PDB file of N, CA and C in Angstrom:
ATOM      1  N   MET A   1     100.697  75.330  71.841  1.00  0.00           N
ATOM      2  CA  MET A   1     102.019  74.721  71.882  1.00  0.00           C
ATOM      3  C   MET A   1     103.102  75.741  71.570  1.00  0.00           C
ATOM      4  N   VAL A   2     102.722  76.835  70.876  1.00  0.00           N
ATOM      5  CA  VAL A   2     103.693  77.873  70.546  1.00  0.00           C
ATOM      6  C   VAL A   2     104.272  78.485  71.813  1.00  0.00           C
ATOM      7  N   LYS A   3     103.431  78.557  72.858  1.00  0.00           N
ATOM      8  CA  LYS A   3     103.903  79.170  74.089  1.00  0.00           C
ATOM      9  C   LYS A   3     105.037  78.379  74.729  1.00  0.00           C
ATOM     10  N   TYR A   4     105.205  77.125  74.353  1.00  0.00           N
ATOM     11  CA  TYR A   4     106.276  76.298  74.901  1.00  0.00           C
ATOM     12  C   TYR A   4     107.490  76.234  73.979  1.00  0.00           C
ATOM     13  N   SER A   5     107.523  77.052  72.938  1.00  0.00           N
ATOM     14  CA  SER A   5     108.564  76.946  71.923  1.00  0.00           C
ATOM     15  C   SER A   5     109.981  77.030  72.503  1.00  0.00           C
ATOM     16  N   ASP A   6     110.248  78.002  73.352  1.00  0.00           N
ATOM     17  CA  ASP A   6     111.591  78.129  73.925  1.00  0.00           C
ATOM     18  C   ASP A   6     111.948  76.909  74.775  1.00  0.00           C
ATOM     19  N   GLU A   7     110.959  76.427  75.515  1.00  0.00           N
ATOM     20  CA  GLU A   7     111.209  75.240  76.345  1.00  0.00           C
ATOM     21  C   GLU A   7     111.481  74.014  75.475  1.00  0.00           C
ATOM     22  N   LEU A   8     110.708  73.855  74.413  1.00  0.00           N
ATOM     23  CA  LEU A   8     110.931  72.724  73.508  1.00  0.00           C
ATOM     24  C   LEU A   8     112.295  72.837  72.837  1.00  0.00           C
ATOM     25  N   ASP A   9     112.659  74.057  72.405  1.00  0.00           N
ATOM     26  CA  ASP A   9     113.979  74.250  71.789  1.00  0.00           C
ATOM     27  C   ASP A   9     115.085  73.800  72.730  1.00  0.00           C
ATOM     28  N   ALA A  10     114.993  74.192  73.991  1.00  0.00           N
ATOM     29  CA  ALA A  10     116.034  73.840  74.974  1.00  0.00           C
ATOM     30  C   ALA A  10     116.089  72.330  75.193  1.00  0.00           C
ATOM     31  N   MET A  11     114.911  71.709  75.262  1.00  0.00           N
ATOM     32  CA  MET A  11     114.894  70.257  75.492  1.00  0.00           C
ATOM     33  C   MET A  11     115.427  69.498  74.287  1.00  0.00           C
ATOM     34  N   PHE A  12     115.011  69.896  73.075  1.00  0.00           N
ATOM     35  CA  PHE A  12     115.517  69.202  71.891  1.00  0.00           C
ATOM     36  C   PHE A  12     117.013  69.437  71.718  1.00  0.00           C
ATOM     37  N   SER A  13     117.484  70.628  72.053  1.00  0.00           N
ATOM     38  CA  SER A  13     118.914  70.908  71.979  1.00  0.00           C
ATOM     39  C   SER A  13     119.674  69.997  72.949  1.00  0.00           C
ATOM     40  N   ALA A  14     119.149  69.850  74.146  1.00  0.00           N
ATOM     41  CA  ALA A  14     119.801  68.970  75.127  1.00  0.00           C
ATOM     42  C   ALA A  14     119.784  67.525  74.651  1.00  0.00           C
ATOM     43  N   LEU A  15     118.693  67.109  74.032  1.00  0.00           N
ATOM     44  CA  LEU A  15     118.574  65.718  73.595  1.00  0.00           C
ATOM     45  C   LEU A  15     119.319  65.435  72.302  1.00  0.00           C
ATOM     46  N   ALA A  16     119.895  66.459  71.686  1.00  0.00           N
ATOM     47  CA  ALA A  16     120.658  66.250  70.450  1.00  0.00           C
ATOM     48  C   ALA A  16     121.969  65.522  70.722  1.00  0.00           C
ATOM     49  N   ASP A  17     122.374  65.458  71.964  1.00  0.00           N
ATOM     50  CA  ASP A  17     123.643  64.830  72.313  1.00  0.00           C
ATOM     51  C   ASP A  17     123.413  63.378  72.764  1.00  0.00           C
ATOM     52  N   PRO A  18     124.155  62.421  72.217  1.00  0.00           N
ATOM     53  CA  PRO A  18     123.935  61.011  72.588  1.00  0.00           C
ATOM     54  C   PRO A  18     124.222  60.713  74.056  1.00  0.00           C
ATOM     55  N   THR A  19     125.179  61.417  74.654  1.00  0.00           N
ATOM     56  CA  THR A  19     125.461  61.200  76.080  1.00  0.00           C
ATOM     57  C   THR A  19     124.240  61.566  76.913  1.00  0.00           C
ATOM     58  N   ARG A  20     123.626  62.695  76.590  1.00  0.00           N
ATOM     59  CA  ARG A  20     122.449  63.144  77.349  1.00  0.00           C
ATOM     60  C   ARG A  20     121.268  62.199  77.127  1.00  0.00           C
ATOM     61  N   ARG A  21     121.133  61.719  75.892  1.00  0.00           N
ATOM     62  CA  ARG A  21     120.044  60.757  75.648  1.00  0.00           C
ATOM     63  C   ARG A  21     120.268  59.470  76.442  1.00  0.00           C
ATOM     64  N   SER A  22     121.526  59.055  76.571  1.00  0.00           N
ATOM     65  CA  SER A  22     121.794  57.837  77.350  1.00  0.00           C
ATOM     66  C   SER A  22     121.478  58.071  78.825  1.00  0.00           C
ATOM     67  N   VAL A  23     121.720  59.274  79.313  1.00  0.00           N
ATOM     68  CA  VAL A  23     121.373  59.601  80.706  1.00  0.00           C
ATOM     69  C   VAL A  23     119.861  59.534  80.884  1.00  0.00           C
ATOM     70  N   ILE A  24     119.121  60.118  79.950  1.00  0.00           N
ATOM     71  CA  ILE A  24     117.656  60.085  80.028  1.00  0.00           C
ATOM     72  C   ILE A  24     117.168  58.644  79.990  1.00  0.00           C
ATOM     73  N   ALA A  25     117.748  57.846  79.086  1.00  0.00           N
ATOM     74  CA  ALA A  25     117.334  56.443  78.989  1.00  0.00           C
ATOM     75  C   ALA A  25     117.611  55.705  80.290  1.00  0.00           C
ATOM     76  N   ARG A  26     118.760  55.941  80.877  1.00  0.00           N
ATOM     77  CA  ARG A  26     119.102  55.257  82.141  1.00  0.00           C
ATOM     78  C   ARG A  26     118.167  55.707  83.263  1.00  0.00           C
ATOM     79  N   LEU A  27     117.864  57.002  83.317  1.00  0.00           N
ATOM     80  CA  LEU A  27     116.998  57.515  84.388  1.00  0.00           C
ATOM     81  C   LEU A  27     115.557  57.019  84.234  1.00  0.00           C
ATOM     82  N   GLY A  28     115.213  56.538  83.063  1.00  0.00           N
ATOM     83  CA  GLY A  28     113.895  55.940  82.879  1.00  0.00           C
ATOM     84  C   GLY A  28     113.699  54.727  83.783  1.00  0.00           C
ATOM     85  N   ALA A  29     114.806  54.107  84.183  1.00  0.00           N
ATOM     86  CA  ALA A  29     114.738  52.946  85.078  1.00  0.00           C
ATOM     87  C   ALA A  29     114.691  53.367  86.543  1.00  0.00           C
ATOM     88  N   GLY A  30     114.898  54.672  86.811  1.00  0.00           N
ATOM     89  CA  GLY A  30     114.851  55.152  88.185  1.00  0.00           C
ATOM     90  C   GLY A  30     115.995  56.100  88.480  1.00  0.00           C
ATOM     91  N   PRO A  31     115.939  56.777  89.615  1.00  0.00           N
ATOM     92  CA  PRO A  31     116.982  57.736  89.980  1.00  0.00           C
ATOM     93  C   PRO A  31     118.355  57.069  90.057  1.00  0.00           C
ATOM     94  N   ALA A  32     119.385  57.876  89.808  1.00  0.00           N
ATOM     95  CA  ALA A  32     120.753  57.355  89.865  1.00  0.00           C
ATOM     96  C   ALA A  32     121.691  58.484  90.262  1.00  0.00           C
ATOM     97  N   SER A  33     122.786  58.119  90.896  1.00  0.00           N
ATOM     98  CA  SER A  33     123.786  59.117  91.268  1.00  0.00           C
ATOM     99  C   SER A  33     124.575  59.528  90.031  1.00  0.00           C
ATOM    100  N   VAL A  34     125.182  60.699  90.100  1.00  0.00           N
ATOM    101  CA  VAL A  34     125.999  61.177  88.986  1.00  0.00           C
ATOM    102  C   VAL A  34     127.119  60.185  88.702  1.00  0.00           C
ATOM    103  N   GLY A  35     127.739  59.671  89.742  1.00  0.00           N
ATOM    104  CA  GLY A  35     128.812  58.701  89.557  1.00  0.00           C
ATOM    105  C   GLY A  35     128.336  57.448  88.836  1.00  0.00           C
ATOM    106  N   GLU A  36     127.164  56.976  89.208  1.00  0.00           N
ATOM    107  CA  GLU A  36     126.597  55.787  88.564  1.00  0.00           C
ATOM    108  C   GLU A  36     126.299  56.059  87.086  1.00  0.00           C
ATOM    109  N   LEU A  37     125.794  57.254  86.804  1.00  0.00           N
ATOM    110  CA  LEU A  37     125.472  57.601  85.417  1.00  0.00           C
ATOM    111  C   LEU A  37     126.734  57.771  84.577  1.00  0.00           C
ATOM    112  N   ALA A  38     127.794  58.310  85.182  1.00  0.00           N
ATOM    113  CA  ALA A  38     129.030  58.581  84.438  1.00  0.00           C
ATOM    114  C   ALA A  38     129.879  57.332  84.245  1.00  0.00           C
ATOM    115  N   ARG A  39     129.734  56.356  85.120  1.00  0.00           N
ATOM    116  CA  ARG A  39     130.606  55.173  85.126  1.00  0.00           C
ATOM    117  C   ARG A  39     130.719  54.487  83.758  1.00  0.00           C
ATOM    118  N   PRO A  40     129.632  54.204  83.053  1.00  0.00           N
ATOM    119  CA  PRO A  40     129.779  53.493  81.769  1.00  0.00           C
ATOM    120  C   PRO A  40     130.310  54.370  80.625  1.00  0.00           C
ATOM    121  N   LEU A  41     130.416  55.652  80.848  1.00  0.00           N
ATOM    122  CA  LEU A  41     130.863  56.560  79.788  1.00  0.00           C
ATOM    123  C   LEU A  41     132.362  56.813  79.920  1.00  0.00           C
ATOM    124  N   SER A  42     133.017  57.022  78.815  1.00  0.00           N
ATOM    125  CA  SER A  42     134.466  57.240  78.856  1.00  0.00           C
ATOM    126  C   SER A  42     134.781  58.735  78.780  1.00  0.00           C
ATOM    127  N   ILE A  43     134.202  59.494  79.699  1.00  0.00           N
ATOM    128  CA  ILE A  43     134.489  60.922  79.785  1.00  0.00           C
ATOM    129  C   ILE A  43     134.770  61.268  81.240  1.00  0.00           C
ATOM    130  N   SER A  44     135.455  62.380  81.427  1.00  0.00           N
ATOM    131  CA  SER A  44     135.797  62.791  82.793  1.00  0.00           C
ATOM    132  C   SER A  44     134.535  63.250  83.528  1.00  0.00           C
ATOM    133  N   LEU A  45     134.597  63.209  84.835  1.00  0.00           N
ATOM    134  CA  LEU A  45     133.446  63.637  85.638  1.00  0.00           C
ATOM    135  C   LEU A  45     133.093  65.110  85.408  1.00  0.00           C
ATOM    136  N   PRO A  46     134.110  66.017  85.317  1.00  0.00           N
ATOM    137  CA  PRO A  46     133.735  67.416  85.016  1.00  0.00           C
ATOM    138  C   PRO A  46     133.022  67.566  83.669  1.00  0.00           C
ATOM    139  N   SER A  47     133.470  66.820  82.662  1.00  0.00           N
ATOM    140  CA  SER A  47     132.787  66.869  81.358  1.00  0.00           C
ATOM    141  C   SER A  47     131.378  66.309  81.477  1.00  0.00           C
ATOM    142  N   PHE A  48     131.235  65.234  82.242  1.00  0.00           N
ATOM    143  CA  PHE A  48     129.908  64.651  82.415  1.00  0.00           C
ATOM    144  C   PHE A  48     128.973  65.615  83.131  1.00  0.00           C
ATOM    145  N   MET A  49     129.525  66.354  84.088  1.00  0.00           N
ATOM    146  CA  MET A  49     128.694  67.314  84.830  1.00  0.00           C
ATOM    147  C   MET A  49     128.120  68.402  83.913  1.00  0.00           C
ATOM    148  N   LYS A  50     128.834  68.733  82.827  1.00  0.00           N
ATOM    149  CA  LYS A  50     128.282  69.696  81.860  1.00  0.00           C
ATOM    150  C   LYS A  50     127.010  69.139  81.231  1.00  0.00           C
ATOM    151  N   HIS A  51     127.008  67.847  80.965  1.00  0.00           N
ATOM    152  CA  HIS A  51     125.804  67.219  80.409  1.00  0.00           C
ATOM    153  C   HIS A  51     124.666  67.236  81.434  1.00  0.00           C
ATOM    154  N   VAL A  52     125.002  66.962  82.670  1.00  0.00           N
ATOM    155  CA  VAL A  52     123.984  66.968  83.725  1.00  0.00           C
ATOM    156  C   VAL A  52     123.392  68.364  83.864  1.00  0.00           C
ATOM    157  N   ARG A  53     124.256  69.364  83.860  1.00  0.00           N
ATOM    158  CA  ARG A  53     123.755  70.753  83.986  1.00  0.00           C
ATOM    159  C   ARG A  53     122.874  71.126  82.792  1.00  0.00           C
ATOM    160  N   SER A  54     123.242  70.676  81.608  1.00  0.00           N
ATOM    161  CA  SER A  54     122.430  70.965  80.423  1.00  0.00           C
ATOM    162  C   SER A  54     121.032  70.342  80.561  1.00  0.00           C
ATOM    163  N   LEU A  55     120.985  69.093  80.992  1.00  0.00           N
ATOM    164  CA  LEU A  55     119.687  68.425  81.174  1.00  0.00           C
ATOM    165  C   LEU A  55     118.887  69.064  82.300  1.00  0.00           C
ATOM    166  N   GLU A  56     119.578  69.494  83.322  1.00  0.00           N
ATOM    167  CA  GLU A  56     118.904  70.120  84.461  1.00  0.00           C
ATOM    168  C   GLU A  56     118.388  71.514  84.087  1.00  0.00           C
ATOM    169  N   SER A  57     119.173  72.248  83.299  1.00  0.00           N
ATOM    170  CA  SER A  57     118.761  73.620  82.967  1.00  0.00           C
ATOM    171  C   SER A  57     117.510  73.655  82.085  1.00  0.00           C
ATOM    172  N   CYS A  58     117.308  72.631  81.269  1.00  0.00           N
ATOM    173  CA  CYS A  58     116.088  72.613  80.448  1.00  0.00           C
ATOM    174  C   CYS A  58     114.951  71.883  81.163  1.00  0.00           C
ATOM    175  N   GLY A  59     115.226  71.379  82.354  1.00  0.00           N
ATOM    176  CA  GLY A  59     114.177  70.785  83.168  1.00  0.00           C
ATOM    177  C   GLY A  59     113.920  69.312  82.942  1.00  0.00           C
ATOM    178  N   LEU A  60     114.717  68.672  82.091  1.00  0.00           N
ATOM    179  CA  LEU A  60     114.462  67.256  81.848  1.00  0.00           C
ATOM    180  C   LEU A  60     114.809  66.378  83.045  1.00  0.00           C
ATOM    181  N   ILE A  61     115.772  66.850  83.852  1.00  0.00           N
ATOM    182  CA  ILE A  61     116.100  66.116  85.073  1.00  0.00           C
ATOM    183  C   ILE A  61     116.168  67.091  86.241  1.00  0.00           C
ATOM    184  N   ARG A  62     116.076  66.546  87.426  1.00  0.00           N
ATOM    185  CA  ARG A  62     116.305  67.307  88.661  1.00  0.00           C
ATOM    186  C   ARG A  62     117.424  66.599  89.402  1.00  0.00           C
ATOM    187  N   THR A  63     118.180  67.365  90.158  1.00  0.00           N
ATOM    188  CA  THR A  63     119.222  66.734  90.968  1.00  0.00           C
ATOM    189  C   THR A  63     119.042  67.154  92.418  1.00  0.00           C
ATOM    190  N   GLU A  64     119.448  66.271  93.282  1.00  0.00           N
ATOM    191  CA  GLU A  64     119.431  66.531  94.722  1.00  0.00           C
ATOM    192  C   GLU A  64     120.771  66.096  95.268  1.00  0.00           C
ATOM    193  N   LYS A  65     121.312  66.908  96.154  1.00  0.00           N
ATOM    194  CA  LYS A  65     122.594  66.554  96.742  1.00  0.00           C
ATOM    195  C   LYS A  65     122.373  66.171  98.194  1.00  0.00           C
ATOM    196  N   SER A  66     122.877  65.005  98.536  1.00  0.00           N
ATOM    197  CA  SER A  66     122.807  64.530  99.919  1.00  0.00           C
ATOM    198  C   SER A  66     124.228  64.144 100.317  1.00  0.00           C
ATOM    199  N   GLY A  67     124.841  64.960 101.155  1.00  0.00           N
ATOM    200  CA  GLY A  67     126.244  64.713 101.501  1.00  0.00           C
ATOM    201  C   GLY A  67     127.104  64.939 100.281  1.00  0.00           C
ATOM    202  N   ARG A  68     127.836  63.921  99.900  1.00  0.00           N
ATOM    203  CA  ARG A  68     128.719  64.035  98.726  1.00  0.00           C
ATOM    204  C   ARG A  68     128.097  63.423  97.476  1.00  0.00           C
ATOM    205  N   VAL A  69     126.891  62.929  97.597  1.00  0.00           N
ATOM    206  CA  VAL A  69     126.258  62.237  96.467  1.00  0.00           C
ATOM    207  C   VAL A  69     125.180  63.121  95.846  1.00  0.00           C
ATOM    208  N   ARG A  70     125.301  63.347  94.536  1.00  0.00           N
ATOM    209  CA  ARG A  70     124.268  64.061  93.782  1.00  0.00           C
ATOM    210  C   ARG A  70     123.464  63.031  93.012  1.00  0.00           C
ATOM    211  N   THR A  71     122.169  63.017  93.269  1.00  0.00           N
ATOM    212  CA  THR A  71     121.278  62.055  92.622  1.00  0.00           C
ATOM    213  C   THR A  71     120.439  62.755  91.563  1.00  0.00           C
ATOM    214  N   CYS A  72     120.312  62.118  90.416  1.00  0.00           N
ATOM    215  CA  CYS A  72     119.533  62.658  89.298  1.00  0.00           C
ATOM    216  C   CYS A  72     118.211  61.908  89.186  1.00  0.00           C
ATOM    217  N   VAL A  73     117.164  62.672  88.900  1.00  0.00           N
ATOM    218  CA  VAL A  73     115.817  62.106  88.768  1.00  0.00           C
ATOM    219  C   VAL A  73     115.204  62.654  87.488  1.00  0.00           C
ATOM    220  N   LEU A  74     114.570  61.796  86.731  1.00  0.00           N
ATOM    221  CA  LEU A  74     113.900  62.198  85.502  1.00  0.00           C
ATOM    222  C   LEU A  74     112.665  63.024  85.820  1.00  0.00           C
ATOM    223  N   ASN A  75     112.444  64.111  85.080  1.00  0.00           N
ATOM    224  CA  ASN A  75     111.255  64.948  85.256  1.00  0.00           C
ATOM    225  C   ASN A  75     110.209  64.516  84.223  1.00  0.00           C
ATOM    226  N   HIS A  76     109.283  63.694  84.659  1.00  0.00           N
ATOM    227  CA  HIS A  76     108.286  63.125  83.746  1.00  0.00           C
ATOM    228  C   HIS A  76     107.362  64.191  83.154  1.00  0.00           C
ATOM    229  N   ASP A  77     107.141  65.289  83.884  1.00  0.00           N
ATOM    230  CA  ASP A  77     106.284  66.353  83.351  1.00  0.00           C
ATOM    231  C   ASP A  77     106.901  66.957  82.094  1.00  0.00           C
ATOM    232  N   ARG A  78     108.206  67.157  82.104  1.00  0.00           N
ATOM    233  CA  ARG A  78     108.881  67.730  80.926  1.00  0.00           C
ATOM    234  C   ARG A  78     108.851  66.753  79.756  1.00  0.00           C
ATOM    235  N   LEU A  79     109.036  65.479  80.048  1.00  0.00           N
ATOM    236  CA  LEU A  79     108.948  64.491  78.978  1.00  0.00           C
ATOM    237  C   LEU A  79     107.544  64.464  78.400  1.00  0.00           C
ATOM    238  N   GLY A  80     106.542  64.716  79.249  1.00  0.00           N
ATOM    239  CA  GLY A  80     105.162  64.765  78.779  1.00  0.00           C
ATOM    240  C   GLY A  80     104.945  65.910  77.799  1.00  0.00           C
ATOM    241  N   LEU A  81     105.611  67.039  78.045  1.00  0.00           N
ATOM    242  CA  LEU A  81     105.521  68.168  77.130  1.00  0.00           C
ATOM    243  C   LEU A  81     106.106  67.798  75.761  1.00  0.00           C
ATOM    244  N   LEU A  82     107.256  67.120  75.781  1.00  0.00           N
ATOM    245  CA  LEU A  82     107.860  66.654  74.523  1.00  0.00           C
ATOM    246  C   LEU A  82     106.938  65.661  73.820  1.00  0.00           C
ATOM    247  N   SER A  83     106.416  64.748  74.589  1.00  0.00           N
ATOM    248  CA  SER A  83     105.540  63.726  74.025  1.00  0.00           C
ATOM    249  C   SER A  83     104.292  64.354  73.398  1.00  0.00           C
ATOM    250  N   SER A  84     103.722  65.353  74.050  1.00  0.00           N
ATOM    251  CA  SER A  84     102.532  66.025  73.509  1.00  0.00           C
ATOM    252  C   SER A  84     102.845  66.707  72.184  1.00  0.00           C
ATOM    253  N   TRP A  85     103.992  67.366  72.122  1.00  0.00           N
ATOM    254  CA  TRP A  85     104.368  68.047  70.880  1.00  0.00           C
ATOM    255  C   TRP A  85     104.572  67.033  69.754  1.00  0.00           C
ATOM    256  N   LEU A  86     105.284  65.933  70.062  1.00  0.00           N
ATOM    257  CA  LEU A  86     105.521  64.903  69.047  1.00  0.00           C
ATOM    258  C   LEU A  86     104.210  64.275  68.599  1.00  0.00           C
ATOM    259  N   GLU A  87     103.287  64.050  69.532  1.00  0.00           N
ATOM    260  CA  GLU A  87     101.987  63.481  69.189  1.00  0.00           C
ATOM    261  C   GLU A  87     101.207  64.424  68.258  1.00  0.00           C
ATOM    262  N   GLU A  88     101.262  65.722  68.545  1.00  0.00           N
ATOM    263  CA  GLU A  88     100.592  66.696  67.694  1.00  0.00           C
ATOM    264  C   GLU A  88     101.182  66.678  66.288  1.00  0.00           C
ATOM    265  N   GLN A  89     102.505  66.593  66.181  1.00  0.00           N
ATOM    266  CA  GLN A  89     103.146  66.539  64.868  1.00  0.00           C
ATOM    267  C   GLN A  89     102.782  65.261  64.126  1.00  0.00           C
ATOM    268  N   ARG A  90     102.726  64.145  64.842  1.00  0.00           N
ATOM    269  CA  ARG A  90     102.362  62.866  64.219  1.00  0.00           C
ATOM    270  C   ARG A  90     100.950  62.943  63.655  1.00  0.00           C
ATOM    271  N   ARG A  91     100.037  63.535  64.429  1.00  0.00           N
ATOM    272  CA  ARG A  91      98.638  63.654  63.982  1.00  0.00           C
ATOM    273  C   ARG A  91      98.550  64.522  62.727  1.00  0.00           C
ATOM    274  N   ILE A  92      99.283  65.615  62.693  1.00  0.00           N
ATOM    275  CA  ILE A  92      99.283  66.488  61.513  1.00  0.00           C
ATOM    276  C   ILE A  92      99.765  65.724  60.282  1.00  0.00           C
ATOM    277  N   TRP A  93     100.852  64.968  60.434  1.00  0.00           N
ATOM    278  CA  TRP A  93     101.388  64.219  59.288  1.00  0.00           C
ATOM    279  C   TRP A  93     100.474  63.081  58.882  1.00  0.00           C
ATOM    280  N   GLU A  94      99.852  62.425  59.845  1.00  0.00           N
ATOM    281  CA  GLU A  94      98.919  61.357  59.485  1.00  0.00           C
ATOM    282  C   GLU A  94      97.709  61.910  58.752  1.00  0.00           C
ATOM    283  N   ASP A  95      97.186  63.050  59.170  1.00  0.00           N
ATOM    284  CA  ASP A  95      96.077  63.682  58.459  1.00  0.00           C
ATOM    285  C   ASP A  95      96.482  64.001  57.026  1.00  0.00           C
ATOM    286  N   SER A  96      97.695  64.496  56.866  1.00  0.00           N
ATOM    287  CA  SER A  96      98.177  64.849  55.539  1.00  0.00           C
ATOM    288  C   SER A  96      98.315  63.605  54.651  1.00  0.00           C
ATOM    289  N   THR A  97      98.882  62.558  55.187  1.00  0.00           N
ATOM    290  CA  THR A  97      99.035  61.343  54.374  1.00  0.00           C
ATOM    291  C   THR A  97      97.684  60.683  54.111  1.00  0.00           C
ATOM    292  N   ASP A  98      96.740  60.823  55.050  1.00  0.00           N
ATOM    293  CA  ASP A  98      95.389  60.291  54.810  1.00  0.00           C
ATOM    294  C   ASP A  98      94.733  61.028  53.638  1.00  0.00           C
ATOM    295  N   ARG A  99      94.892  62.366  53.611  1.00  0.00           N
ATOM    296  CA  ARG A  99      94.321  63.139  52.493  1.00  0.00           C
ATOM    297  C   ARG A  99      94.984  62.741  51.181  1.00  0.00           C
ATOM    298  N   LEU A 100      96.294  62.516  51.195  1.00  0.00           N
ATOM    299  CA  LEU A 100      96.999  62.095  49.981  1.00  0.00           C
ATOM    300  C   LEU A 100      96.493  60.726  49.534  1.00  0.00           C
ATOM    301  N   GLU A 101      96.307  59.824  50.472  1.00  0.00           N
ATOM    302  CA  GLU A 101      95.803  58.494  50.132  1.00  0.00           C
ATOM    303  C   GLU A 101      94.405  58.587  49.517  1.00  0.00           C
ATOM    304  N   ARG A 102      93.551  59.439  50.111  1.00  0.00           N
ATOM    305  CA  ARG A 102      92.194  59.598  49.552  1.00  0.00           C
ATOM    306  C   ARG A 102      92.267  60.160  48.142  1.00  0.00           C
ATOM    307  N   PHE A 103      93.159  61.118  47.927  1.00  0.00           N
ATOM    308  CA  PHE A 103      93.294  61.721  46.611  1.00  0.00           C
ATOM    309  C   PHE A 103      93.752  60.682  45.591  1.00  0.00           C
ATOM    310  N   VAL A 104      94.724  59.862  45.975  1.00  0.00           N
ATOM    311  CA  VAL A 104      95.254  58.857  45.053  1.00  0.00           C
ATOM    312  C   VAL A 104      94.215  57.780  44.766  1.00  0.00           C
ATOM    313  N   THR A 105      93.474  57.375  45.786  1.00  0.00           N
ATOM    314  CA  THR A 105      92.525  56.272  45.590  1.00  0.00           C
ATOM    315  C   THR A 105      91.158  56.709  45.069  1.00  0.00           C
ATOM    316  N   THR A 106      90.735  57.970  45.389  1.00  0.00           N
ATOM    317  CA  THR A 106      89.391  58.388  44.967  1.00  0.00           C
ATOM    318  C   THR A 106      89.390  59.587  44.014  1.00  0.00           C
ATOM    319  N   GLY A 107      90.521  60.256  43.896  1.00  0.00           N
ATOM    320  CA  GLY A 107      90.583  61.444  43.051  1.00  0.00           C
ATOM    321  C   GLY A 107      90.177  62.707  43.779  1.00  0.00           C
ATOM    322  N   SER A 108      89.829  62.603  45.069  1.00  0.00           N
ATOM    323  CA  SER A 108      89.461  63.761  45.863  1.00  0.00           C
ATOM    324  C   SER A 108      90.102  63.648  47.245  1.00  0.00           C
ATOM    325  N   ALA A 109      90.625  64.750  47.732  1.00  0.00           N
ATOM    326  CA  ALA A 109      91.230  64.748  49.070  1.00  0.00           C
ATOM    327  C   ALA A 109      90.191  64.894  50.162  1.00  0.00           C
ATOM    328  N   GLN A 110      88.959  65.230  49.784  1.00  0.00           N
ATOM    329  CA  GLN A 110      87.895  65.403  50.767  1.00  0.00           C
ATOM    330  C   GLN A 110      87.392  64.051  51.240  1.00  0.00           C
ATOM    331  N   PRO A 111      87.122  63.913  52.530  1.00  0.00           N
ATOM    332  CA  PRO A 111      86.600  62.638  53.024  1.00  0.00           C
ATOM    333  C   PRO A 111      85.199  62.381  52.474  1.00  0.00           C
ATOM    334  N   ALA A 112      84.866  61.114  52.251  1.00  0.00           N
ATOM    335  CA  ALA A 112      83.540  60.747  51.768  1.00  0.00           C
ATOM    336  C   ALA A 112      82.477  61.189  52.756  1.00  0.00           C
ATOM    337  N   HIS A 113      82.790  61.079  54.031  1.00  0.00           N
ATOM    338  CA  HIS A 113      81.895  61.515  55.100  1.00  0.00           C
ATOM    339  C   HIS A 113      82.645  62.568  55.895  1.00  0.00           C
ATOM    340  N   PRO A 114      82.134  63.800  55.966  1.00  0.00           N
ATOM    341  CA  PRO A 114      82.861  64.887  56.639  1.00  0.00           C
ATOM    342  C   PRO A 114      83.307  64.570  58.061  1.00  0.00           C
ATOM    343  N   LYS A 115      82.610  63.697  58.762  1.00  0.00           N
ATOM    344  CA  LYS A 115      82.998  63.374  60.141  1.00  0.00           C
ATOM    345  C   LYS A 115      84.270  62.545  60.199  1.00  0.00           C
ATOM    346  N   GLU A 116      84.724  61.981  59.048  1.00  0.00           N
ATOM    347  CA  GLU A 116      85.965  61.213  59.031  1.00  0.00           C
ATOM    348  C   GLU A 116      87.146  62.116  59.331  1.00  0.00           C
ATOM    349  N   GLU A 117      87.052  63.381  58.924  1.00  0.00           N
ATOM    350  CA  GLU A 117      88.132  64.341  59.137  1.00  0.00           C
ATOM    351  C   GLU A 117      88.082  64.845  60.564  1.00  0.00           C
ATOM    352  N   SER A 118      89.091  64.643  61.313  1.00  0.00           N
ATOM    353  CA  SER A 118      89.102  65.132  62.692  1.00  0.00           C
ATOM    354  C   SER A 118      90.307  65.970  62.960  1.00  0.00           C
TER     355      SER A 118
END
């Protein structure tokens, strides 16, 4: 997962903004034009395009231009990378809290049966 560190940094940086998160949430329902995505937001189209470029540059979305319409599509592969990293972190923390629970309840952090530790 270390090899994806720069990519994860870029994606988390992009997702730190609520406007970009709302775009990702909306695209979860399917592709949408830039105009459609910007409509519910109270920002100018040029400002909104900065958000689109940020999401596109880290790979979370792809855009296609057909005539005058630019359509945005969610990149599920990139979301999968984020999901894998978050899942790995969750597993690490759950293992840690499981060891703490064993220590509190039994006085030892070691599992009663070594195969319990995975």
